[in-house]
């Protein structure tokens, strides 16, 4: 005699069986007080049951960050002989790199200047990592003909790096390659 069970009933039975099998294989028991949660994400590591625990090194202190609301600002200018013939079109990239030695970009802004000088401001909203801006950064600017930061042209002009402190305006003069 064959049993005629509806598809939803069969699915429910199968789902119940799989749930019971899955739950029984992942039992965890803990003896003693639970460990403290790590203060920083990089300090987190898996703990294996019955494995000897080694002391963890102290986390490195975080580099100084700019005070809330502190940002990098300033002006970018062209030499007078180039400014006179400037026509709208090239893209101006202002990039803040870490001054901690790894030279990674921490923030950037993309501007479409109509004339020079151009005022810029890099704020926490421009952070590429979502972290607060550092208190110091190396600023670089590039006037890019095709608007693509990953390509270079002989017509592209650049300036920097210039060490800047958050909250202190800087001036950069484009003119090199």
N, C-alpha and C. Protein backbone atom coordinates (compact mmCIF):
# COMPACT_ATOMS: atom_id res chain seq x y z
N UNK A 1 0.84 -1.18 0.00
CA UNK A 1 0.00 0.00 0.00
C UNK A 1 0.89 1.24 0.00
N UNK A 2 0.62 2.14 -0.87
CA UNK A 2 1.42 3.36 -0.95
C UNK A 2 0.76 4.46 -0.15
N UNK A 3 1.62 5.26 0.40
CA UNK A 3 1.10 6.40 1.17
C UNK A 3 1.05 7.61 0.27
N UNK A 4 -0.04 8.32 0.32
CA UNK A 4 -0.17 9.57 -0.42
C UNK A 4 -0.12 10.73 0.56
N UNK A 5 1.04 11.28 0.68
CA UNK A 5 1.19 12.47 1.52
C UNK A 5 1.38 13.66 0.61
N UNK A 6 0.84 14.74 0.99
CA UNK A 6 0.97 15.94 0.17
C UNK A 6 2.42 16.45 0.21
N UNK A 7 2.80 17.19 -0.78
CA UNK A 7 4.15 17.74 -0.86
C UNK A 7 4.46 18.63 0.34
N UNK A 8 3.56 19.51 0.79
CA UNK A 8 3.87 20.32 1.97
C UNK A 8 4.12 19.47 3.22
N UNK A 9 3.40 18.36 3.36
CA UNK A 9 3.61 17.50 4.53
C UNK A 9 4.98 16.85 4.45
N UNK A 10 5.36 16.36 3.30
CA UNK A 10 6.68 15.75 3.12
C UNK A 10 7.78 16.78 3.38
N UNK A 11 7.60 17.97 2.88
CA UNK A 11 8.60 19.03 3.08
C UNK A 11 8.74 19.36 4.55
N UNK A 12 7.63 19.39 5.27
CA UNK A 12 7.65 19.69 6.70
C UNK A 12 8.39 18.60 7.47
N UNK A 13 8.15 17.35 7.12
CA UNK A 13 8.83 16.23 7.79
C UNK A 13 10.33 16.30 7.50
N UNK A 14 10.71 16.53 6.25
CA UNK A 14 12.11 16.62 5.88
C UNK A 14 12.80 17.78 6.58
N UNK A 15 12.16 18.92 6.63
CA UNK A 15 12.72 20.10 7.29
C UNK A 15 12.91 19.84 8.78
N UNK A 16 11.95 19.18 9.42
CA UNK A 16 12.06 18.86 10.85
C UNK A 16 13.23 17.92 11.10
N UNK A 17 13.38 16.91 10.26
CA UNK A 17 14.48 15.95 10.42
C UNK A 17 15.83 16.63 10.25
N UNK A 18 15.96 17.48 9.24
CA UNK A 18 17.23 18.19 9.02
C UNK A 18 17.55 19.13 10.17
N UNK A 19 16.55 19.79 10.70
CA UNK A 19 16.76 20.70 11.83
C UNK A 19 17.27 19.94 13.03
N UNK A 20 16.66 18.79 13.33
CA UNK A 20 17.10 17.98 14.47
C UNK A 20 18.52 17.47 14.28
N UNK A 21 18.86 17.04 13.08
CA UNK A 21 20.22 16.57 12.82
C UNK A 21 21.23 17.70 12.96
N UNK A 22 20.91 18.85 12.42
CA UNK A 22 21.83 19.99 12.47
C UNK A 22 22.06 20.48 13.88
N UNK A 23 21.02 20.54 14.70
CA UNK A 23 21.15 21.05 16.06
C UNK A 23 21.93 20.10 16.95
N UNK A 24 21.81 18.80 16.73
CA UNK A 24 22.46 17.84 17.62
C UNK A 24 23.96 17.81 17.40
N UNK A 25 24.46 18.26 16.27
CA UNK A 25 25.88 18.17 15.99
C UNK A 25 26.63 19.43 16.38
N UNK A 26 25.96 20.44 16.84
CA UNK A 26 26.64 21.68 17.17
C UNK A 26 26.41 22.08 18.61
N UNK A 27 26.48 21.10 19.50
CA UNK A 27 26.32 21.40 20.92
C UNK A 27 27.58 22.07 21.44
N UNK A 28 27.40 23.05 22.29
CA UNK A 28 28.53 23.73 22.89
C UNK A 28 28.26 23.82 24.38
N UNK A 29 29.27 23.48 25.15
CA UNK A 29 29.13 23.65 26.60
C UNK A 29 30.28 24.52 27.07
N UNK A 30 30.02 25.33 28.05
CA UNK A 30 31.02 26.26 28.56
C UNK A 30 31.14 26.06 30.06
N UNK A 31 32.37 25.95 30.52
CA UNK A 31 32.61 25.80 31.95
C UNK A 31 33.27 27.07 32.45
N UNK A 32 32.79 27.60 33.53
CA UNK A 32 33.37 28.81 34.09
C UNK A 32 32.78 30.06 33.48
N UNK A 33 33.40 31.20 33.82
CA UNK A 33 32.92 32.49 33.31
C UNK A 33 33.28 32.62 31.84
N UNK A 34 32.39 33.21 31.04
CA UNK A 34 32.72 33.42 29.63
C UNK A 34 33.81 34.48 29.50
N UNK A 35 34.64 34.40 28.44
CA UNK A 35 35.68 35.41 28.25
C UNK A 35 35.07 36.75 27.88
N UNK A 36 35.84 37.82 28.13
CA UNK A 36 35.37 39.15 27.76
C UNK A 36 35.40 39.30 26.25
N UNK A 37 34.47 40.06 25.74
CA UNK A 37 34.45 40.33 24.30
C UNK A 37 35.64 41.22 23.96
N UNK A 38 36.29 41.01 22.81
CA UNK A 38 37.42 41.86 22.43
C UNK A 38 36.98 43.30 22.24
N UNK A 39 37.86 44.23 22.62
CA UNK A 39 37.57 45.65 22.48
C UNK A 39 37.65 46.08 21.02
N UNK A 40 38.54 45.44 20.24
CA UNK A 40 38.72 45.78 18.84
C UNK A 40 38.49 44.54 18.00
N UNK A 41 38.01 44.73 16.80
CA UNK A 41 37.71 43.60 15.92
C UNK A 41 38.96 42.79 15.60
N UNK A 42 40.12 43.45 15.44
CA UNK A 42 41.31 42.70 15.07
C UNK A 42 41.80 41.81 16.20
N UNK A 43 41.36 42.05 17.44
CA UNK A 43 41.77 41.23 18.56
C UNK A 43 40.92 39.97 18.66
N UNK A 44 39.85 39.90 17.88
CA UNK A 44 38.97 38.73 17.94
C UNK A 44 39.64 37.55 17.25
N UNK A 45 39.52 36.39 17.85
CA UNK A 45 40.03 35.17 17.24
C UNK A 45 39.19 34.01 17.76
N UNK A 46 39.08 32.94 16.98
CA UNK A 46 38.28 31.81 17.43
C UNK A 46 38.93 31.11 18.63
N UNK A 47 38.11 30.59 19.51
CA UNK A 47 38.59 29.83 20.66
C UNK A 47 38.20 28.38 20.44
N UNK A 48 39.18 27.49 20.52
CA UNK A 48 38.90 26.08 20.34
C UNK A 48 38.69 25.42 21.69
N UNK A 49 37.73 24.52 21.73
CA UNK A 49 37.40 23.81 22.95
C UNK A 49 38.60 22.96 23.38
N UNK A 50 38.93 23.00 24.65
CA UNK A 50 40.00 22.21 25.27
C UNK A 50 41.39 22.55 24.74
N UNK A 51 41.57 23.67 24.05
CA UNK A 51 42.90 24.06 23.58
C UNK A 51 43.52 25.00 24.60
N UNK A 52 44.83 24.87 24.84
CA UNK A 52 45.46 25.81 25.78
C UNK A 52 45.39 27.23 25.22
N UNK A 53 45.14 28.17 26.08
CA UNK A 53 45.01 29.56 25.64
C UNK A 53 46.31 30.31 25.90
N UNK A 54 46.80 30.99 24.87
CA UNK A 54 48.01 31.78 25.00
C UNK A 54 47.63 33.23 25.27
N UNK A 55 48.54 33.92 25.92
CA UNK A 55 48.32 35.34 26.16
C UNK A 55 48.39 36.08 24.83
N UNK A 56 47.50 37.02 24.63
CA UNK A 56 47.48 37.82 23.41
C UNK A 56 48.30 39.08 23.62
N UNK A 57 49.00 39.54 22.58
CA UNK A 57 49.72 40.80 22.73
C UNK A 57 48.73 41.96 22.85
N UNK A 58 49.17 43.02 23.48
CA UNK A 58 48.33 44.21 23.61
C UNK A 58 48.12 44.80 22.22
N UNK A 59 46.92 45.27 21.91
CA UNK A 59 46.70 45.90 20.61
C UNK A 59 47.51 47.18 20.50
N UNK A 60 47.94 47.49 19.26
CA UNK A 60 48.69 48.72 19.02
C UNK A 60 47.78 49.91 19.23
N UNK A 61 48.32 50.99 19.79
CA UNK A 61 47.47 52.17 19.95
C UNK A 61 47.08 52.72 18.59
N UNK A 62 45.88 53.20 18.51
CA UNK A 62 45.38 53.76 17.26
C UNK A 62 46.11 55.07 16.97
N UNK A 63 46.41 55.35 15.69
CA UNK A 63 47.04 56.63 15.37
C UNK A 63 46.11 57.78 15.72
N UNK A 64 46.71 58.92 15.97
CA UNK A 64 45.91 60.10 16.32
C UNK A 64 44.94 60.40 15.19
N UNK A 65 43.72 60.73 15.55
CA UNK A 65 42.72 61.08 14.54
C UNK A 65 42.30 62.53 14.74
N UNK A 66 41.79 63.10 13.69
CA UNK A 66 41.35 64.49 13.75
C UNK A 66 40.15 64.59 14.68
N UNK A 67 40.05 65.72 15.33
CA UNK A 67 38.90 65.96 16.20
C UNK A 67 37.63 65.96 15.36
N UNK A 68 36.53 65.62 15.98
CA UNK A 68 35.26 65.60 15.26
C UNK A 68 35.04 66.95 14.58
N UNK A 69 34.75 66.90 13.30
CA UNK A 69 34.51 68.13 12.57
C UNK A 69 35.77 68.73 11.96
N UNK A 70 36.96 68.25 12.38
CA UNK A 70 38.20 68.77 11.79
C UNK A 70 38.39 68.09 10.44
N UNK A 71 38.79 68.85 9.46
CA UNK A 71 38.97 68.31 8.13
C UNK A 71 40.16 68.99 7.47
N UNK A 72 40.46 68.58 6.24
CA UNK A 72 41.56 69.16 5.47
C UNK A 72 40.95 70.10 4.43
N UNK A 73 41.51 71.27 4.32
CA UNK A 73 40.97 72.24 3.37
C UNK A 73 42.11 73.06 2.80
N UNK A 74 41.80 73.78 1.74
CA UNK A 74 42.79 74.64 1.14
C UNK A 74 42.39 75.05 -0.26
N UNK A 75 43.40 75.48 -1.03
CA UNK A 75 43.17 75.90 -2.40
C UNK A 75 44.18 75.23 -3.32
N UNK A 76 43.75 75.03 -4.55
CA UNK A 76 44.61 74.50 -5.61
C UNK A 76 44.61 75.56 -6.70
N UNK A 77 45.81 75.89 -7.19
CA UNK A 77 45.91 76.92 -8.22
C UNK A 77 46.78 76.43 -9.36
N UNK A 78 46.64 77.10 -10.50
CA UNK A 78 47.47 76.87 -11.67
C UNK A 78 48.42 78.04 -11.83
N UNK A 79 49.61 77.83 -12.40
CA UNK A 79 50.46 78.97 -12.72
C UNK A 79 49.69 79.92 -13.65
N UNK A 80 49.97 81.21 -13.57
CA UNK A 80 49.19 82.20 -14.32
C UNK A 80 49.18 81.93 -15.82
N UNK A 81 50.28 81.44 -16.39
CA UNK A 81 50.31 81.18 -17.83
C UNK A 81 49.36 80.04 -18.23
N UNK A 82 49.08 79.10 -17.32
CA UNK A 82 48.14 78.02 -17.61
C UNK A 82 46.71 78.38 -17.22
N UNK A 83 46.55 79.17 -16.16
CA UNK A 83 45.22 79.55 -15.69
C UNK A 83 44.48 80.38 -16.73
N UNK A 84 45.21 81.22 -17.47
CA UNK A 84 44.58 82.10 -18.46
C UNK A 84 43.90 81.29 -19.56
N UNK A 85 44.46 80.15 -19.95
CA UNK A 85 43.89 79.36 -21.03
C UNK A 85 43.09 78.16 -20.56
N UNK A 86 42.80 78.09 -19.27
CA UNK A 86 42.09 76.91 -18.74
C UNK A 86 40.66 76.87 -19.26
N UNK A 87 40.26 75.69 -19.72
CA UNK A 87 38.87 75.47 -20.15
C UNK A 87 38.31 74.32 -19.33
N UNK A 88 37.06 74.47 -18.94
CA UNK A 88 36.40 73.44 -18.14
C UNK A 88 36.47 72.09 -18.86
N UNK A 89 36.66 71.03 -18.08
CA UNK A 89 36.71 69.68 -18.65
C UNK A 89 37.51 68.71 -17.79
N UNK A 90 38.77 69.04 -17.48
CA UNK A 90 39.55 68.12 -16.66
C UNK A 90 38.98 67.98 -15.24
N UNK A 91 39.24 66.85 -14.64
CA UNK A 91 38.79 66.55 -13.28
C UNK A 91 39.93 66.79 -12.31
N UNK A 92 39.62 67.42 -11.19
CA UNK A 92 40.62 67.66 -10.15
C UNK A 92 40.39 66.66 -9.02
N UNK A 93 41.39 65.84 -8.76
CA UNK A 93 41.34 64.90 -7.64
C UNK A 93 42.21 65.45 -6.52
N UNK A 94 41.66 65.49 -5.30
CA UNK A 94 42.43 65.86 -4.11
C UNK A 94 42.42 64.62 -3.22
N UNK A 95 43.61 64.12 -2.93
CA UNK A 95 43.75 62.85 -2.22
C UNK A 95 44.53 63.07 -0.93
N UNK A 96 44.01 62.52 0.15
CA UNK A 96 44.72 62.53 1.44
C UNK A 96 45.25 61.13 1.68
N UNK A 97 46.58 61.03 1.83
CA UNK A 97 47.20 59.73 2.12
C UNK A 97 47.66 59.71 3.57
N UNK A 98 47.70 58.52 4.12
CA UNK A 98 48.18 58.35 5.49
C UNK A 98 49.62 58.83 5.57
N UNK A 99 49.95 59.58 6.60
CA UNK A 99 51.33 60.02 6.79
C UNK A 99 52.06 59.05 7.72
N UNK A 100 51.42 57.93 8.04
CA UNK A 100 52.00 56.95 8.96
C UNK A 100 53.01 56.04 8.27
N UNK A 101 53.29 56.26 7.00
CA UNK A 101 54.31 55.49 6.31
C UNK A 101 53.78 54.48 5.31
N UNK A 102 52.52 54.08 5.39
CA UNK A 102 52.02 53.08 4.45
C UNK A 102 51.49 53.70 3.16
N UNK A 103 51.35 55.00 3.14
CA UNK A 103 50.97 55.78 1.95
C UNK A 103 49.63 55.39 1.33
N UNK A 104 48.77 54.73 2.06
CA UNK A 104 47.46 54.37 1.51
C UNK A 104 46.55 55.60 1.54
N UNK A 105 45.70 55.75 0.52
CA UNK A 105 44.75 56.85 0.55
C UNK A 105 43.72 56.63 1.66
N UNK A 106 43.45 57.68 2.40
CA UNK A 106 42.44 57.59 3.46
C UNK A 106 41.17 58.34 3.09
N UNK A 107 41.29 59.32 2.19
CA UNK A 107 40.12 60.09 1.75
C UNK A 107 40.45 60.76 0.42
N UNK A 108 39.40 61.10 -0.31
CA UNK A 108 39.59 61.78 -1.59
C UNK A 108 38.32 62.52 -1.98
N UNK A 109 38.52 63.59 -2.75
CA UNK A 109 37.38 64.30 -3.35
C UNK A 109 37.67 64.49 -4.84
N UNK A 110 36.60 64.53 -5.61
CA UNK A 110 36.67 64.70 -7.06
C UNK A 110 35.91 65.97 -7.40
N UNK A 111 36.59 66.92 -8.04
CA UNK A 111 35.99 68.22 -8.36
C UNK A 111 36.06 68.48 -9.86
N UNK A 112 35.11 69.25 -10.36
CA UNK A 112 35.10 69.68 -11.76
C UNK A 112 35.25 71.19 -11.80
N UNK A 113 36.49 71.68 -11.79
CA UNK A 113 36.70 73.13 -11.71
C UNK A 113 36.29 73.86 -12.98
N UNK A 114 35.73 75.06 -12.77
CA UNK A 114 35.39 75.93 -13.89
C UNK A 114 36.48 76.97 -14.10
N UNK A 115 37.20 77.28 -13.02
CA UNK A 115 38.31 78.24 -13.08
C UNK A 115 39.21 77.98 -11.88
N UNK A 116 40.33 78.68 -11.84
CA UNK A 116 41.28 78.55 -10.73
C UNK A 116 41.49 79.91 -10.10
N UNK A 117 41.78 79.96 -8.80
CA UNK A 117 42.02 78.86 -7.86
C UNK A 117 40.73 78.15 -7.47
N UNK A 118 40.89 76.90 -7.00
CA UNK A 118 39.77 76.05 -6.57
C UNK A 118 39.91 75.78 -5.08
N UNK A 119 38.83 76.03 -4.35
CA UNK A 119 38.82 75.70 -2.92
C UNK A 119 38.37 74.24 -2.77
N UNK A 120 38.98 73.53 -1.80
CA UNK A 120 38.57 72.15 -1.54
C UNK A 120 38.44 71.92 -0.04
N UNK A 121 37.70 70.89 0.30
CA UNK A 121 37.54 70.47 1.69
C UNK A 121 37.36 68.95 1.69
N UNK A 122 38.17 68.27 2.49
CA UNK A 122 38.04 66.83 2.68
C UNK A 122 37.53 66.61 4.10
N UNK A 123 36.37 65.97 4.21
CA UNK A 123 35.74 65.74 5.52
C UNK A 123 35.68 64.24 5.80
N UNK A 124 35.21 63.90 6.97
CA UNK A 124 35.04 62.50 7.33
C UNK A 124 34.11 61.76 6.38
N UNK A 125 33.19 62.48 5.74
CA UNK A 125 32.28 61.85 4.77
C UNK A 125 33.03 61.37 3.53
N UNK A 126 34.25 61.89 3.31
CA UNK A 126 35.05 61.50 2.15
C UNK A 126 36.01 60.35 2.47
N UNK A 127 35.95 59.86 3.71
CA UNK A 127 36.83 58.77 4.14
C UNK A 127 36.59 57.54 3.28
N UNK A 128 37.66 56.91 2.83
CA UNK A 128 37.55 55.71 2.01
C UNK A 128 37.39 54.46 2.86
N UNK A 129 37.68 54.57 4.15
CA UNK A 129 37.61 53.41 5.04
C UNK A 129 36.45 53.50 6.01
N UNK A 130 35.80 54.66 6.08
CA UNK A 130 34.73 54.84 7.06
C UNK A 130 35.25 55.21 8.43
N UNK A 131 36.56 55.28 8.59
CA UNK A 131 37.17 55.64 9.86
C UNK A 131 37.36 57.15 9.91
N UNK A 132 37.55 57.71 11.11
CA UNK A 132 37.82 59.14 11.21
C UNK A 132 39.10 59.51 10.47
N UNK A 133 39.17 60.74 10.00
CA UNK A 133 40.38 61.20 9.32
C UNK A 133 41.54 61.28 10.30
N UNK A 134 42.77 61.06 9.83
CA UNK A 134 43.92 61.20 10.72
C UNK A 134 44.16 62.68 11.03
N UNK A 135 44.92 62.94 12.07
CA UNK A 135 45.24 64.32 12.44
C UNK A 135 46.20 64.94 11.43
N UNK A 136 47.01 64.11 10.78
CA UNK A 136 47.94 64.56 9.74
C UNK A 136 47.80 63.67 8.52
N UNK A 137 47.98 64.26 7.35
CA UNK A 137 47.93 63.48 6.11
C UNK A 137 48.80 64.16 5.07
N UNK A 138 49.21 63.39 4.07
CA UNK A 138 49.92 63.94 2.92
C UNK A 138 48.88 64.19 1.83
N UNK A 139 48.78 65.43 1.38
CA UNK A 139 47.80 65.79 0.35
C UNK A 139 48.47 65.83 -1.01
N UNK A 140 47.79 65.26 -1.99
CA UNK A 140 48.22 65.28 -3.38
C UNK A 140 47.05 65.76 -4.22
N UNK A 141 47.34 66.46 -5.30
CA UNK A 141 46.28 66.87 -6.22
C UNK A 141 46.69 66.50 -7.63
N UNK A 142 45.70 66.20 -8.45
CA UNK A 142 45.97 65.90 -9.85
C UNK A 142 44.84 66.44 -10.70
N UNK A 143 45.19 67.20 -11.70
CA UNK A 143 44.24 67.69 -12.70
C UNK A 143 44.31 66.69 -13.85
N UNK A 144 43.28 65.87 -13.97
CA UNK A 144 43.30 64.71 -14.86
C UNK A 144 42.45 64.97 -16.09
N UNK A 145 43.05 64.88 -17.26
CA UNK A 145 42.36 65.20 -18.52
C UNK A 145 41.16 64.30 -18.80
N UNK A 146 41.30 62.98 -18.54
CA UNK A 146 40.20 62.08 -18.89
C UNK A 146 39.28 61.75 -17.72
N UNK A 147 39.57 62.27 -16.53
CA UNK A 147 38.71 62.05 -15.37
C UNK A 147 38.82 60.67 -14.76
N UNK A 148 39.80 59.87 -15.22
CA UNK A 148 40.00 58.51 -14.71
C UNK A 148 41.28 58.49 -13.89
N UNK A 149 41.14 58.34 -12.57
CA UNK A 149 42.30 58.39 -11.68
C UNK A 149 43.29 57.26 -11.95
N UNK A 150 42.85 56.18 -12.58
CA UNK A 150 43.74 55.03 -12.80
C UNK A 150 44.60 55.17 -14.04
N UNK A 151 44.38 56.21 -14.85
CA UNK A 151 45.21 56.42 -16.04
C UNK A 151 46.00 57.71 -15.89
N UNK A 152 47.10 57.79 -16.64
CA UNK A 152 47.91 59.02 -16.63
C UNK A 152 48.13 59.47 -18.07
N UNK A 153 48.18 60.78 -18.23
CA UNK A 153 48.43 61.39 -19.53
C UNK A 153 49.53 62.43 -19.37
N UNK A 154 50.21 62.75 -20.46
CA UNK A 154 51.23 63.80 -20.40
C UNK A 154 50.61 65.15 -20.06
N UNK A 155 49.32 65.31 -20.33
CA UNK A 155 48.64 66.57 -20.05
C UNK A 155 48.21 66.71 -18.59
N UNK A 156 48.21 65.59 -17.84
CA UNK A 156 47.81 65.65 -16.43
C UNK A 156 48.83 66.45 -15.63
N UNK A 157 48.33 67.32 -14.77
CA UNK A 157 49.19 68.12 -13.89
C UNK A 157 48.98 67.66 -12.46
N UNK A 158 50.05 67.74 -11.65
CA UNK A 158 49.92 67.30 -10.26
C UNK A 158 50.73 68.19 -9.34
N UNK A 159 50.48 68.04 -8.05
CA UNK A 159 51.24 68.74 -7.01
C UNK A 159 51.20 67.89 -5.75
N UNK A 160 52.23 68.02 -4.96
CA UNK A 160 52.29 67.30 -3.69
C UNK A 160 53.20 66.10 -3.81
N UNK A 161 53.34 65.36 -2.77
CA UNK A 161 52.59 65.44 -1.52
C UNK A 161 53.04 66.59 -0.63
N UNK A 162 52.07 67.14 0.08
CA UNK A 162 52.30 68.20 1.06
C UNK A 162 51.73 67.72 2.39
N UNK A 163 52.54 67.75 3.44
CA UNK A 163 52.06 67.34 4.77
C UNK A 163 51.09 68.39 5.28
N UNK A 164 49.93 67.95 5.71
CA UNK A 164 48.89 68.87 6.20
C UNK A 164 48.37 68.39 7.54
N UNK A 165 47.98 69.35 8.36
CA UNK A 165 47.33 69.04 9.64
C UNK A 165 45.85 69.38 9.51
N UNK A 166 45.02 68.55 10.09
CA UNK A 166 43.58 68.79 10.04
C UNK A 166 43.27 70.15 10.65
N UNK A 167 42.42 70.91 9.98
CA UNK A 167 42.02 72.22 10.47
C UNK A 167 42.92 73.36 10.02
N UNK A 168 44.07 73.06 9.38
CA UNK A 168 44.98 74.10 8.91
C UNK A 168 44.98 74.12 7.38
N UNK A 169 44.46 75.18 6.75
CA UNK A 169 44.38 75.24 5.29
C UNK A 169 45.76 75.19 4.63
N UNK A 170 45.81 74.58 3.44
CA UNK A 170 47.05 74.50 2.67
C UNK A 170 46.80 75.04 1.27
N UNK A 171 47.88 75.42 0.59
CA UNK A 171 47.80 75.87 -0.80
C UNK A 171 48.70 74.99 -1.64
N UNK A 172 48.18 74.55 -2.77
CA UNK A 172 48.95 73.70 -3.68
C UNK A 172 48.93 74.34 -5.06
N UNK A 173 50.07 74.30 -5.74
CA UNK A 173 50.20 74.87 -7.08
C UNK A 173 50.48 73.75 -8.06
N UNK A 174 49.55 73.53 -8.99
CA UNK A 174 49.72 72.51 -10.01
C UNK A 174 50.80 72.95 -10.99
N UNK A 175 51.49 71.99 -11.58
CA UNK A 175 52.47 72.38 -12.57
C UNK A 175 53.44 71.29 -12.95
N UNK A 176 53.53 70.21 -12.21
CA UNK A 176 54.43 69.12 -12.55
C UNK A 176 53.67 67.97 -13.16
N UNK A 177 54.39 66.92 -13.50
CA UNK A 177 53.73 65.73 -14.07
C UNK A 177 53.64 64.67 -13.03
